[in-house]
Amino acid sequence: MCDSKIISQIGSSVISRCSECRCVFIWNNNLILSFSPEQFIQFRNFTVELDFAEHMHSFPDGQDRLVMRTPVNDVQLTFTTEQWEDFHAAMDEAIYMQEIYAMMDSNN
């Protein structure tokens, strides 16, 4: 695993970036997702298009959660409304920070 630096942390969503390989990691509770910079932007754009109400399900604990399917049928991600908002805010902040790093890298 890369030696990554945190570029965004909101709620339980932490996003880090490796300065060497530029991989972006989303850490959320017991889950780690890793992306190339391009894949991260594609993933974020995909999640922006998801309508929480359309993908919401009531869980046995009584909380409504968004269920986000993945390309692997047996793997799905779930978020409460607050977690979903934090997740998006962290990704937006991380994209902004990546743009700053790209500007800094181009000046070197």
PDB file of N, CA and C in Angstrom:
ATOM      1  N   MET A   1       0.849  -1.181   0.000  1.00  0.00           N
ATOM      2  CA  MET A   1       0.000   0.000   0.000  1.00  0.00           C
ATOM      3  C   MET A   1       0.888   1.236   0.000  1.00  0.00           C
ATOM      4  N   CYS A   2       0.445   2.243  -0.666  1.00  0.00           N
ATOM      5  CA  CYS A   2       1.195   3.492  -0.797  1.00  0.00           C
ATOM      6  C   CYS A   2       1.267   4.262   0.521  1.00  0.00           C
ATOM      7  N   ASP A   3       2.246   5.133   0.589  1.00  0.00           N
ATOM      8  CA  ASP A   3       2.351   6.073   1.709  1.00  0.00           C
ATOM      9  C   ASP A   3       1.570   7.317   1.298  1.00  0.00           C
ATOM     10  N   SER A   4       0.285   7.338   1.627  1.00  0.00           N
ATOM     11  CA  SER A   4      -0.588   8.409   1.143  1.00  0.00           C
ATOM     12  C   SER A   4      -0.790   9.491   2.203  1.00  0.00           C
ATOM     13  N   LYS A   5      -1.128  10.675   1.726  1.00  0.00           N
ATOM     14  CA  LYS A   5      -1.415  11.820   2.590  1.00  0.00           C
ATOM     15  C   LYS A   5      -2.897  12.163   2.483  1.00  0.00           C
ATOM     16  N   ILE A   6      -3.513  12.485   3.603  1.00  0.00           N
ATOM     17  CA  ILE A   6      -4.932  12.841   3.621  1.00  0.00           C
ATOM     18  C   ILE A   6      -5.136  14.165   2.895  1.00  0.00           C
ATOM     19  N   ILE A   7      -6.087  14.169   1.956  1.00  0.00           N
ATOM     20  CA  ILE A   7      -6.433  15.404   1.250  1.00  0.00           C
ATOM     21  C   ILE A   7      -7.852  15.860   1.574  1.00  0.00           C
ATOM     22  N   SER A   8      -8.631  15.004   2.231  1.00  0.00           N
ATOM     23  CA  SER A   8      -9.980  15.383   2.652  1.00  0.00           C
ATOM     24  C   SER A   8     -10.433  14.437   3.755  1.00  0.00           C
ATOM     25  N   GLN A   9     -11.122  15.005   4.743  1.00  0.00           N
ATOM     26  CA  GLN A   9     -11.684  14.188   5.818  1.00  0.00           C
ATOM     27  C   GLN A   9     -12.952  14.870   6.308  1.00  0.00           C
ATOM     28  N   ILE A  10     -14.086  14.234   6.028  1.00  0.00           N
ATOM     29  CA  ILE A  10     -15.382  14.764   6.440  1.00  0.00           C
ATOM     30  C   ILE A  10     -16.204  13.597   6.971  1.00  0.00           C
ATOM     31  N   GLY A  11     -16.615  13.692   8.219  1.00  0.00           N
ATOM     32  CA  GLY A  11     -17.350  12.603   8.843  1.00  0.00           C
ATOM     33  C   GLY A  11     -16.496  11.354   8.836  1.00  0.00           C
ATOM     34  N   SER A  12     -17.079  10.245   8.434  1.00  0.00           N
ATOM     35  CA  SER A  12     -16.326   8.988   8.390  1.00  0.00           C
ATOM     36  C   SER A  12     -15.631   8.770   7.053  1.00  0.00           C
ATOM     37  N   SER A  13     -15.708   9.744   6.150  1.00  0.00           N
ATOM     38  CA  SER A  13     -15.062   9.635   4.840  1.00  0.00           C
ATOM     39  C   SER A  13     -13.705  10.324   4.868  1.00  0.00           C
ATOM     40  N   VAL A  14     -12.673   9.551   4.583  1.00  0.00           N
ATOM     41  CA  VAL A  14     -11.312  10.084   4.512  1.00  0.00           C
ATOM     42  C   VAL A  14     -10.779   9.761   3.128  1.00  0.00           C
ATOM     43  N   ILE A  15     -10.203  10.753   2.462  1.00  0.00           N
ATOM     44  CA  ILE A  15      -9.640  10.539   1.134  1.00  0.00           C
ATOM     45  C   ILE A  15      -8.177  10.934   1.175  1.00  0.00           C
ATOM     46  N   SER A  16      -7.344  10.031   0.679  1.00  0.00           N
ATOM     47  CA  SER A  16      -5.910  10.293   0.670  1.00  0.00           C
ATOM     48  C   SER A  16      -5.363  10.082  -0.742  1.00  0.00           C
ATOM     49  N   ARG A  17      -4.138  10.578  -0.939  1.00  0.00           N
ATOM     50  CA  ARG A  17      -3.510  10.524  -2.252  1.00  0.00           C
ATOM     51  C   ARG A  17      -2.037  10.190  -2.085  1.00  0.00           C
ATOM     52  N   CYS A  18      -1.547   9.298  -2.920  1.00  0.00           N
ATOM     53  CA  CYS A  18      -0.127   8.964  -2.942  1.00  0.00           C
ATOM     54  C   CYS A  18       0.577   9.954  -3.866  1.00  0.00           C
ATOM     55  N   SER A  19       1.611  10.604  -3.367  1.00  0.00           N
ATOM     56  CA  SER A  19       2.316  11.596  -4.184  1.00  0.00           C
ATOM     57  C   SER A  19       3.160  10.944  -5.275  1.00  0.00           C
ATOM     58  N   GLU A  20       3.524   9.673  -5.097  1.00  0.00           N
ATOM     59  CA  GLU A  20       4.338   8.999  -6.107  1.00  0.00           C
ATOM     60  C   GLU A  20       3.509   8.448  -7.261  1.00  0.00           C
ATOM     61  N   CYS A  21       2.565   7.543  -6.953  1.00  0.00           N
ATOM     62  CA  CYS A  21       1.782   6.917  -8.028  1.00  0.00           C
ATOM     63  C   CYS A  21       0.484   7.666  -8.325  1.00  0.00           C
ATOM     64  N   ARG A  22       0.142   8.642  -7.476  1.00  0.00           N
ATOM     65  CA  ARG A  22      -1.053   9.488  -7.613  1.00  0.00           C
ATOM     66  C   ARG A  22      -2.370   8.742  -7.360  1.00  0.00           C
ATOM     67  N   CYS A  23      -2.304   7.512  -6.847  1.00  0.00           N
ATOM     68  CA  CYS A  23      -3.529   6.781  -6.503  1.00  0.00           C
ATOM     69  C   CYS A  23      -4.316   7.559  -5.462  1.00  0.00           C
ATOM     70  N   VAL A  24      -5.629   7.479  -5.575  1.00  0.00           N
ATOM     71  CA  VAL A  24      -6.531   8.126  -4.625  1.00  0.00           C
ATOM     72  C   VAL A  24      -7.242   7.019  -3.867  1.00  0.00           C
ATOM     73  N   PHE A  25      -7.274   7.146  -2.543  1.00  0.00           N
ATOM     74  CA  PHE A  25      -7.893   6.142  -1.692  1.00  0.00           C
ATOM     75  C   PHE A  25      -9.049   6.765  -0.923  1.00  0.00           C
ATOM     76  N   ILE A  26     -10.188   6.086  -0.933  1.00  0.00           N
ATOM     77  CA  ILE A  26     -11.323   6.476  -0.096  1.00  0.00           C
ATOM     78  C   ILE A  26     -11.379   5.475   1.052  1.00  0.00           C
ATOM     79  N   TRP A  27     -11.270   5.987   2.259  1.00  0.00           N
ATOM     80  CA  TRP A  27     -11.348   5.179   3.470  1.00  0.00           C
ATOM     81  C   TRP A  27     -12.686   5.507   4.106  1.00  0.00           C
ATOM     82  N   ASN A  28     -13.534   4.521   4.279  1.00  0.00           N
ATOM     83  CA  ASN A  28     -14.837   4.775   4.878  1.00  0.00           C
ATOM     84  C   ASN A  28     -15.177   3.586   5.777  1.00  0.00           C
ATOM     85  N   ASN A  29     -15.074   3.818   7.077  1.00  0.00           N
ATOM     86  CA  ASN A  29     -15.289   2.765   8.061  1.00  0.00           C
ATOM     87  C   ASN A  29     -14.368   1.585   7.777  1.00  0.00           C
ATOM     88  N   ASN A  30     -14.898   0.444   7.438  1.00  0.00           N
ATOM     89  CA  ASN A  30     -14.063  -0.735   7.215  1.00  0.00           C
ATOM     90  C   ASN A  30     -13.817  -1.005   5.730  1.00  0.00           C
ATOM     91  N   LEU A  31     -13.900   0.027   4.909  1.00  0.00           N
ATOM     92  CA  LEU A  31     -13.791  -0.116   3.467  1.00  0.00           C
ATOM     93  C   LEU A  31     -12.696   0.796   2.934  1.00  0.00           C
ATOM     94  N   ILE A  32     -11.895   0.292   2.009  1.00  0.00           N
ATOM     95  CA  ILE A  32     -10.914   1.115   1.299  1.00  0.00           C
ATOM     96  C   ILE A  32     -11.155   0.924  -0.191  1.00  0.00           C
ATOM     97  N   LEU A  33     -11.368   2.012  -0.888  1.00  0.00           N
ATOM     98  CA  LEU A  33     -11.484   1.984  -2.345  1.00  0.00           C
ATOM     99  C   LEU A  33     -10.263   2.688  -2.912  1.00  0.00           C
ATOM    100  N   SER A  34      -9.686   2.166  -3.980  1.00  0.00           N
ATOM    101  CA  SER A  34      -8.530   2.828  -4.589  1.00  0.00           C
ATOM    102  C   SER A  34      -8.788   3.068  -6.069  1.00  0.00           C
ATOM    103  N   PHE A  35      -8.315   4.230  -6.519  1.00  0.00           N
ATOM    104  CA  PHE A  35      -8.574   4.677  -7.885  1.00  0.00           C
ATOM    105  C   PHE A  35      -7.350   5.387  -8.454  1.00  0.00           C
ATOM    106  N   SER A  36      -7.236   5.363  -9.770  1.00  0.00           N
ATOM    107  CA  SER A  36      -6.332   6.295 -10.438  1.00  0.00           C
ATOM    108  C   SER A  36      -7.034   7.657 -10.341  1.00  0.00           C
ATOM    109  N   PRO A  37      -6.330   8.760 -10.584  1.00  0.00           N
ATOM    110  CA  PRO A  37      -7.008  10.065 -10.525  1.00  0.00           C
ATOM    111  C   PRO A  37      -8.213  10.148 -11.469  1.00  0.00           C
ATOM    112  N   GLU A  38      -8.075   9.577 -12.657  1.00  0.00           N
ATOM    113  CA  GLU A  38      -9.174   9.608 -13.629  1.00  0.00           C
ATOM    114  C   GLU A  38     -10.354   8.756 -13.147  1.00  0.00           C
ATOM    115  N   GLN A  39     -10.056   7.574 -12.618  1.00  0.00           N
ATOM    116  CA  GLN A  39     -11.118   6.703 -12.112  1.00  0.00           C
ATOM    117  C   GLN A  39     -11.849   7.359 -10.941  1.00  0.00           C
ATOM    118  N   PHE A  40     -11.113   8.068 -10.102  1.00  0.00           N
ATOM    119  CA  PHE A  40     -11.729   8.749  -8.966  1.00  0.00           C
ATOM    120  C   PHE A  40     -12.752   9.777  -9.443  1.00  0.00           C
ATOM    121  N   ILE A  41     -12.388  10.546 -10.429  1.00  0.00           N
ATOM    122  CA  ILE A  41     -13.324  11.552 -10.973  1.00  0.00           C
ATOM    123  C   ILE A  41     -14.530  10.862 -11.597  1.00  0.00           C
ATOM    124  N   GLN A  42     -14.315   9.773 -12.328  1.00  0.00           N
ATOM    125  CA  GLN A  42     -15.431   9.029 -12.912  1.00  0.00           C
ATOM    126  C   GLN A  42     -16.352   8.471 -11.829  1.00  0.00           C
ATOM    127  N   PHE A  43     -15.762   7.929 -10.769  1.00  0.00           N
ATOM    128  CA  PHE A  43     -16.551   7.387  -9.667  1.00  0.00           C
ATOM    129  C   PHE A  43     -17.362   8.486  -9.002  1.00  0.00           C
ATOM    130  N   ARG A  44     -16.733   9.603  -8.740  1.00  0.00           N
ATOM    131  CA  ARG A  44     -17.439  10.727  -8.118  1.00  0.00           C
ATOM    132  C   ARG A  44     -18.594  11.189  -9.011  1.00  0.00           C
ATOM    133  N   ASN A  45     -18.362  11.317 -10.318  1.00  0.00           N
ATOM    134  CA  ASN A  45     -19.420  11.725 -11.242  1.00  0.00           C
ATOM    135  C   ASN A  45     -20.560  10.707 -11.255  1.00  0.00           C
ATOM    136  N   PHE A  46     -20.225   9.423 -11.194  1.00  0.00           N
ATOM    137  CA  PHE A  46     -21.243   8.373 -11.139  1.00  0.00           C
ATOM    138  C   PHE A  46     -22.106   8.534  -9.883  1.00  0.00           C
ATOM    139  N   THR A  47     -21.470   8.782  -8.739  1.00  0.00           N
ATOM    140  CA  THR A  47     -22.226   8.887  -7.495  1.00  0.00           C
ATOM    141  C   THR A  47     -23.082  10.141  -7.452  1.00  0.00           C
ATOM    142  N   VAL A  48     -22.643  11.211  -8.103  1.00  0.00           N
ATOM    143  CA  VAL A  48     -23.425  12.451  -8.127  1.00  0.00           C
ATOM    144  C   VAL A  48     -24.767  12.219  -8.825  1.00  0.00           C
ATOM    145  N   GLU A  49     -24.761  11.336  -9.810  1.00  0.00           N
ATOM    146  CA  GLU A  49     -25.973  11.075 -10.587  1.00  0.00           C
ATOM    147  C   GLU A  49     -26.971  10.168  -9.862  1.00  0.00           C
ATOM    148  N   LEU A  50     -26.545   9.511  -8.783  1.00  0.00           N
ATOM    149  CA  LEU A  50     -27.459   8.633  -8.054  1.00  0.00           C
ATOM    150  C   LEU A  50     -28.449   9.449  -7.231  1.00  0.00           C
ATOM    151  N   ASP A  51     -29.702   9.115  -7.358  1.00  0.00           N
ATOM    152  CA  ASP A  51     -30.752   9.764  -6.583  1.00  0.00           C
ATOM    153  C   ASP A  51     -30.956   8.969  -5.292  1.00  0.00           C
ATOM    154  N   PHE A  52     -30.701   9.605  -4.168  1.00  0.00           N
ATOM    155  CA  PHE A  52     -30.790   8.924  -2.877  1.00  0.00           C
ATOM    156  C   PHE A  52     -32.164   8.272  -2.713  1.00  0.00           C
ATOM    157  N   ALA A  53     -33.218   8.999  -3.019  1.00  0.00           N
ATOM    158  CA  ALA A  53     -34.578   8.488  -2.803  1.00  0.00           C
ATOM    159  C   ALA A  53     -34.863   7.252  -3.653  1.00  0.00           C
ATOM    160  N   GLU A  54     -34.327   7.227  -4.873  1.00  0.00           N
ATOM    161  CA  GLU A  54     -34.551   6.084  -5.767  1.00  0.00           C
ATOM    162  C   GLU A  54     -33.854   4.818  -5.296  1.00  0.00           C
ATOM    163  N   HIS A  55     -32.733   4.968  -4.615  1.00  0.00           N
ATOM    164  CA  HIS A  55     -31.919   3.829  -4.205  1.00  0.00           C
ATOM    165  C   HIS A  55     -31.990   3.574  -2.705  1.00  0.00           C
ATOM    166  N   MET A  56     -32.973   4.179  -2.044  1.00  0.00           N
ATOM    167  CA  MET A  56     -33.099   4.068  -0.609  1.00  0.00           C
ATOM    168  C   MET A  56     -33.873   2.812  -0.222  1.00  0.00           C
ATOM    169  N   HIS A  57     -33.387   2.180   0.842  1.00  0.00           N
ATOM    170  CA  HIS A  57     -34.057   1.007   1.390  1.00  0.00           C
ATOM    171  C   HIS A  57     -34.065   1.137   2.904  1.00  0.00           C
ATOM    172  N   SER A  58     -35.128   0.649   3.512  1.00  0.00           N
ATOM    173  CA  SER A  58     -35.204   0.639   4.967  1.00  0.00           C
ATOM    174  C   SER A  58     -34.474  -0.598   5.478  1.00  0.00           C
ATOM    175  N   PHE A  59     -33.563  -0.386   6.425  1.00  0.00           N
ATOM    176  CA  PHE A  59     -32.767  -1.485   6.982  1.00  0.00           C
ATOM    177  C   PHE A  59     -33.417  -2.011   8.250  1.00  0.00           C
ATOM    178  N   PRO A  60     -33.035  -3.208   8.698  1.00  0.00           N
ATOM    179  CA  PRO A  60     -33.636  -3.804   9.894  1.00  0.00           C
ATOM    180  C   PRO A  60     -33.529  -2.930  11.144  1.00  0.00           C
ATOM    181  N   ASP A  61     -32.517  -2.031  11.194  1.00  0.00           N
ATOM    182  CA  ASP A  61     -32.379  -1.147  12.353  1.00  0.00           C
ATOM    183  C   ASP A  61     -33.301   0.069  12.282  1.00  0.00           C
ATOM    184  N   GLY A  62     -34.131   0.135  11.229  1.00  0.00           N
ATOM    185  CA  GLY A  62     -35.086   1.229  11.087  1.00  0.00           C
ATOM    186  C   GLY A  62     -34.552   2.418  10.323  1.00  0.00           C
ATOM    187  N   GLN A  63     -33.271   2.438   9.991  1.00  0.00           N
ATOM    188  CA  GLN A  63     -32.694   3.567   9.250  1.00  0.00           C
ATOM    189  C   GLN A  63     -32.828   3.344   7.756  1.00  0.00           C
ATOM    190  N   ASP A  64     -33.095   4.436   7.050  1.00  0.00           N
ATOM    191  CA  ASP A  64     -33.098   4.395   5.593  1.00  0.00           C
ATOM    192  C   ASP A  64     -31.671   4.610   5.116  1.00  0.00           C
ATOM    193  N   ARG A  65     -31.261   3.821   4.151  1.00  0.00           N
ATOM    194  CA  ARG A  65     -29.915   3.936   3.597  1.00  0.00           C
ATOM    195  C   ARG A  65     -29.976   3.809   2.084  1.00  0.00           C
ATOM    196  N   LEU A  66     -29.076   4.525   1.432  1.00  0.00           N
ATOM    197  CA  LEU A  66     -28.883   4.359   0.008  1.00  0.00           C
ATOM    198  C   LEU A  66     -28.069   3.087  -0.188  1.00  0.00           C
ATOM    199  N   VAL A  67     -28.462   2.277  -1.149  1.00  0.00           N
ATOM    200  CA  VAL A  67     -27.702   1.086  -1.510  1.00  0.00           C
ATOM    201  C   VAL A  67     -27.116   1.337  -2.892  1.00  0.00           C
ATOM    202  N   MET A  68     -25.790   1.372  -2.957  1.00  0.00           N
ATOM    203  CA  MET A  68     -25.103   1.626  -4.216  1.00  0.00           C
ATOM    204  C   MET A  68     -24.511   0.311  -4.711  1.00  0.00           C
ATOM    205  N   ARG A  69     -25.004  -0.138  -5.834  1.00  0.00           N
ATOM    206  CA  ARG A  69     -24.501  -1.378  -6.420  1.00  0.00           C
ATOM    207  C   ARG A  69     -23.124  -1.131  -7.032  1.00  0.00           C
ATOM    208  N   THR A  70     -22.341  -2.185  -7.081  1.00  0.00           N
ATOM    209  CA  THR A  70     -21.024  -2.124  -7.716  1.00  0.00           C
ATOM    210  C   THR A  70     -21.020  -3.114  -8.874  1.00  0.00           C
ATOM    211  N   PRO A  71     -19.970  -3.101  -9.687  1.00  0.00           N
ATOM    212  CA  PRO A  71     -19.907  -4.083 -10.781  1.00  0.00           C
ATOM    213  C   PRO A  71     -19.885  -5.535 -10.293  1.00  0.00           C
ATOM    214  N   VAL A  72     -19.544  -5.748  -9.034  1.00  0.00           N
ATOM    215  CA  VAL A  72     -19.561  -7.089  -8.453  1.00  0.00           C
ATOM    216  C   VAL A  72     -20.902  -7.239  -7.733  1.00  0.00           C
ATOM    217  N   ASN A  73     -21.783  -8.092  -8.243  1.00  0.00           N
ATOM    218  CA  ASN A  73     -23.144  -8.197  -7.711  1.00  0.00           C
ATOM    219  C   ASN A  73     -23.217  -8.428  -6.210  1.00  0.00           C
ATOM    220  N   ASP A  74     -22.251  -9.149  -5.666  1.00  0.00           N
ATOM    221  CA  ASP A  74     -22.288  -9.465  -4.241  1.00  0.00           C
ATOM    222  C   ASP A  74     -21.721  -8.360  -3.358  1.00  0.00           C
ATOM    223  N   VAL A  75     -21.228  -7.288  -3.949  1.00  0.00           N
ATOM    224  CA  VAL A  75     -20.666  -6.174  -3.177  1.00  0.00           C
ATOM    225  C   VAL A  75     -21.506  -4.926  -3.425  1.00  0.00           C
ATOM    226  N   GLN A  76     -22.072  -4.405  -2.353  1.00  0.00           N
ATOM    227  CA  GLN A  76     -22.869  -3.184  -2.428  1.00  0.00           C
ATOM    228  C   GLN A  76     -22.443  -2.276  -1.285  1.00  0.00           C
ATOM    229  N   LEU A  77     -22.486  -0.987  -1.512  1.00  0.00           N
ATOM    230  CA  LEU A  77     -22.132  -0.015  -0.485  1.00  0.00           C
ATOM    231  C   LEU A  77     -23.414   0.620   0.039  1.00  0.00           C
ATOM    232  N   THR A  78     -23.454   0.911   1.336  1.00  0.00           N
ATOM    233  CA  THR A  78     -24.648   1.540   1.905  1.00  0.00           C
ATOM    234  C   THR A  78     -24.255   2.786   2.675  1.00  0.00           C
ATOM    235  N   PHE A  79     -25.151   3.778   2.643  1.00  0.00           N
ATOM    236  CA  PHE A  79     -24.910   5.063   3.299  1.00  0.00           C
ATOM    237  C   PHE A  79     -26.208   5.605   3.880  1.00  0.00           C
ATOM    238  N   THR A  80     -26.133   6.144   5.096  1.00  0.00           N
ATOM    239  CA  THR A  80     -27.252   6.941   5.607  1.00  0.00           C
ATOM    240  C   THR A  80     -27.212   8.275   4.874  1.00  0.00           C
ATOM    241  N   THR A  81     -28.229   9.091   5.044  1.00  0.00           N
ATOM    242  CA  THR A  81     -28.254  10.401   4.398  1.00  0.00           C
ATOM    243  C   THR A  81     -27.029  11.219   4.792  1.00  0.00           C
ATOM    244  N   GLU A  82     -26.715  11.260   6.077  1.00  0.00           N
ATOM    245  CA  GLU A  82     -25.564  12.045   6.553  1.00  0.00           C
ATOM    246  C   GLU A  82     -24.255  11.488   6.000  1.00  0.00           C
ATOM    247  N   GLN A  83     -24.109  10.177   5.998  1.00  0.00           N
ATOM    248  CA  GLN A  83     -22.895   9.566   5.452  1.00  0.00           C
ATOM    249  C   GLN A  83     -22.748   9.872   3.965  1.00  0.00           C
ATOM    250  N   TRP A  84     -23.864   9.836   3.236  1.00  0.00           N
ATOM    251  CA  TRP A  84     -23.850  10.120   1.792  1.00  0.00           C
ATOM    252  C   TRP A  84     -23.418  11.560   1.540  1.00  0.00           C
ATOM    253  N   GLU A  85     -23.954  12.491   2.330  1.00  0.00           N
ATOM    254  CA  GLU A  85     -23.578  13.896   2.176  1.00  0.00           C
ATOM    255  C   GLU A  85     -22.104  14.114   2.509  1.00  0.00           C
ATOM    256  N   ASP A  86     -21.625  13.486   3.579  1.00  0.00           N
ATOM    257  CA  ASP A  86     -20.204  13.578   3.945  1.00  0.00           C
ATOM    258  C   ASP A  86     -19.323  12.974   2.858  1.00  0.00           C
ATOM    259  N   PHE A  87     -19.746  11.833   2.318  1.00  0.00           N
ATOM    260  CA  PHE A  87     -19.019  11.134   1.268  1.00  0.00           C
ATOM    261  C   PHE A  87     -18.820  12.048   0.062  1.00  0.00           C
ATOM    262  N   HIS A  88     -19.895  12.717  -0.348  1.00  0.00           N
ATOM    263  CA  HIS A  88     -19.817  13.635  -1.494  1.00  0.00           C
ATOM    264  C   HIS A  88     -18.992  14.865  -1.185  1.00  0.00           C
ATOM    265  N   ALA A  89     -19.164  15.423  -0.022  1.00  0.00           N
ATOM    266  CA  ALA A  89     -18.391  16.605   0.352  1.00  0.00           C
ATOM    267  C   ALA A  89     -16.899  16.277   0.371  1.00  0.00           C
ATOM    268  N   ALA A  90     -16.550  15.108   0.892  1.00  0.00           N
ATOM    269  CA  ALA A  90     -15.144  14.708   0.931  1.00  0.00           C
ATOM    270  C   ALA A  90     -14.599  14.512  -0.482  1.00  0.00           C
ATOM    271  N   MET A  91     -15.378  13.896  -1.373  1.00  0.00           N
ATOM    272  CA  MET A  91     -14.915  13.708  -2.747  1.00  0.00           C
ATOM    273  C   MET A  91     -14.754  15.042  -3.458  1.00  0.00           C
ATOM    274  N   ASP A  92     -15.705  15.972  -3.259  1.00  0.00           N
ATOM    275  CA  ASP A  92     -15.589  17.289  -3.874  1.00  0.00           C
ATOM    276  C   ASP A  92     -14.327  18.008  -3.397  1.00  0.00           C
ATOM    277  N   GLU A  93     -14.077  17.943  -2.098  1.00  0.00           N
ATOM    278  CA  GLU A  93     -12.888  18.576  -1.531  1.00  0.00           C
ATOM    279  C   GLU A  93     -11.619  17.917  -2.071  1.00  0.00           C
ATOM    280  N   ALA A  94     -11.634  16.607  -2.197  1.00  0.00           N
ATOM    281  CA  ALA A  94     -10.469  15.882  -2.708  1.00  0.00           C
ATOM    282  C   ALA A  94     -10.176  16.242  -4.159  1.00  0.00           C
ATOM    283  N   ILE A  95     -11.208  16.406  -4.964  1.00  0.00           N
ATOM    284  CA  ILE A  95     -11.003  16.809  -6.363  1.00  0.00           C
ATOM    285  C   ILE A  95     -10.374  18.193  -6.409  1.00  0.00           C
ATOM    286  N   TYR A  96     -10.849  19.091  -5.565  1.00  0.00           N
ATOM    287  CA  TYR A  96     -10.277  20.439  -5.484  1.00  0.00           C
ATOM    288  C   TYR A  96      -8.802  20.364  -5.092  1.00  0.00           C
ATOM    289  N   MET A  97      -8.493  19.542  -4.093  1.00  0.00           N
ATOM    290  CA  MET A  97      -7.106  19.408  -3.642  1.00  0.00           C
ATOM    291  C   MET A  97      -6.228  18.792  -4.734  1.00  0.00           C
ATOM    292  N   GLN A  98      -6.762  17.851  -5.488  1.00  0.00           N
ATOM    293  CA  GLN A  98      -5.999  17.265  -6.593  1.00  0.00           C
ATOM    294  C   GLN A  98      -5.662  18.315  -7.645  1.00  0.00           C
ATOM    295  N   GLU A  99      -6.605  19.225  -7.896  1.00  0.00           N
ATOM    296  CA  GLU A  99      -6.346  20.303  -8.852  1.00  0.00           C
ATOM    297  C   GLU A  99      -5.216  21.192  -8.350  1.00  0.00           C
ATOM    298  N   ILE A 100      -5.194  21.449  -7.056  1.00  0.00           N
ATOM    299  CA  ILE A 100      -4.114  22.254  -6.479  1.00  0.00           C
ATOM    300  C   ILE A 100      -2.782  21.527  -6.633  1.00  0.00           C
ATOM    301  N   TYR A 101      -2.757  20.218  -6.315  1.00  0.00           N
ATOM    302  CA  TYR A 101      -1.528  19.438  -6.472  1.00  0.00           C
ATOM    303  C   TYR A 101      -1.070  19.424  -7.928  1.00  0.00           C
ATOM    304  N   ALA A 102      -2.003  19.321  -8.854  1.00  0.00           N
ATOM    305  CA  ALA A 102      -1.643  19.304 -10.280  1.00  0.00           C
ATOM    306  C   ALA A 102      -1.000  20.635 -10.681  1.00  0.00           C
ATOM    307  N   MET A 103      -1.535  21.746 -10.177  1.00  0.00           N
ATOM    308  CA  MET A 103      -0.942  23.049 -10.457  1.00  0.00           C
ATOM    309  C   MET A 103       0.457  23.150  -9.860  1.00  0.00           C
ATOM    310  N   MET A 104       0.619  22.635  -8.653  1.00  0.00           N
ATOM    311  CA  MET A 104       1.927  22.673  -8.002  1.00  0.00           C
ATOM    312  C   MET A 104       2.925  21.793  -8.756  1.00  0.00           C
ATOM    313  N   ASP A 105       2.479  20.635  -9.216  1.00  0.00           N
ATOM    314  CA  ASP A 105       3.351  19.724  -9.957  1.00  0.00           C
ATOM    315  C   ASP A 105       3.771  20.329 -11.293  1.00  0.00           C
ATOM    316  N   SER A 106       2.875  21.062 -11.930  1.00  0.00           N
ATOM    317  CA  SER A 106       3.199  21.654 -13.240  1.00  0.00           C
ATOM    318  C   SER A 106       4.182  22.810 -13.101  1.00  0.00           C
ATOM    319  N   ASN A 107       4.266  23.409 -11.905  1.00  0.00           N
ATOM    320  CA  ASN A 107       5.209  24.505 -11.685  1.00  0.00           C
ATOM    321  C   ASN A 107       6.610  24.005 -11.371  1.00  0.00           C
ATOM    322  N   ASN A 108       6.762  22.714 -11.133  1.00  0.00           N
ATOM    323  CA  ASN A 108       8.090  22.162 -10.814  1.00  0.00           C
ATOM    324  C   ASN A 108       8.791  21.667 -12.038  1.00  0.00           C
TER     325      ASN A 108
END
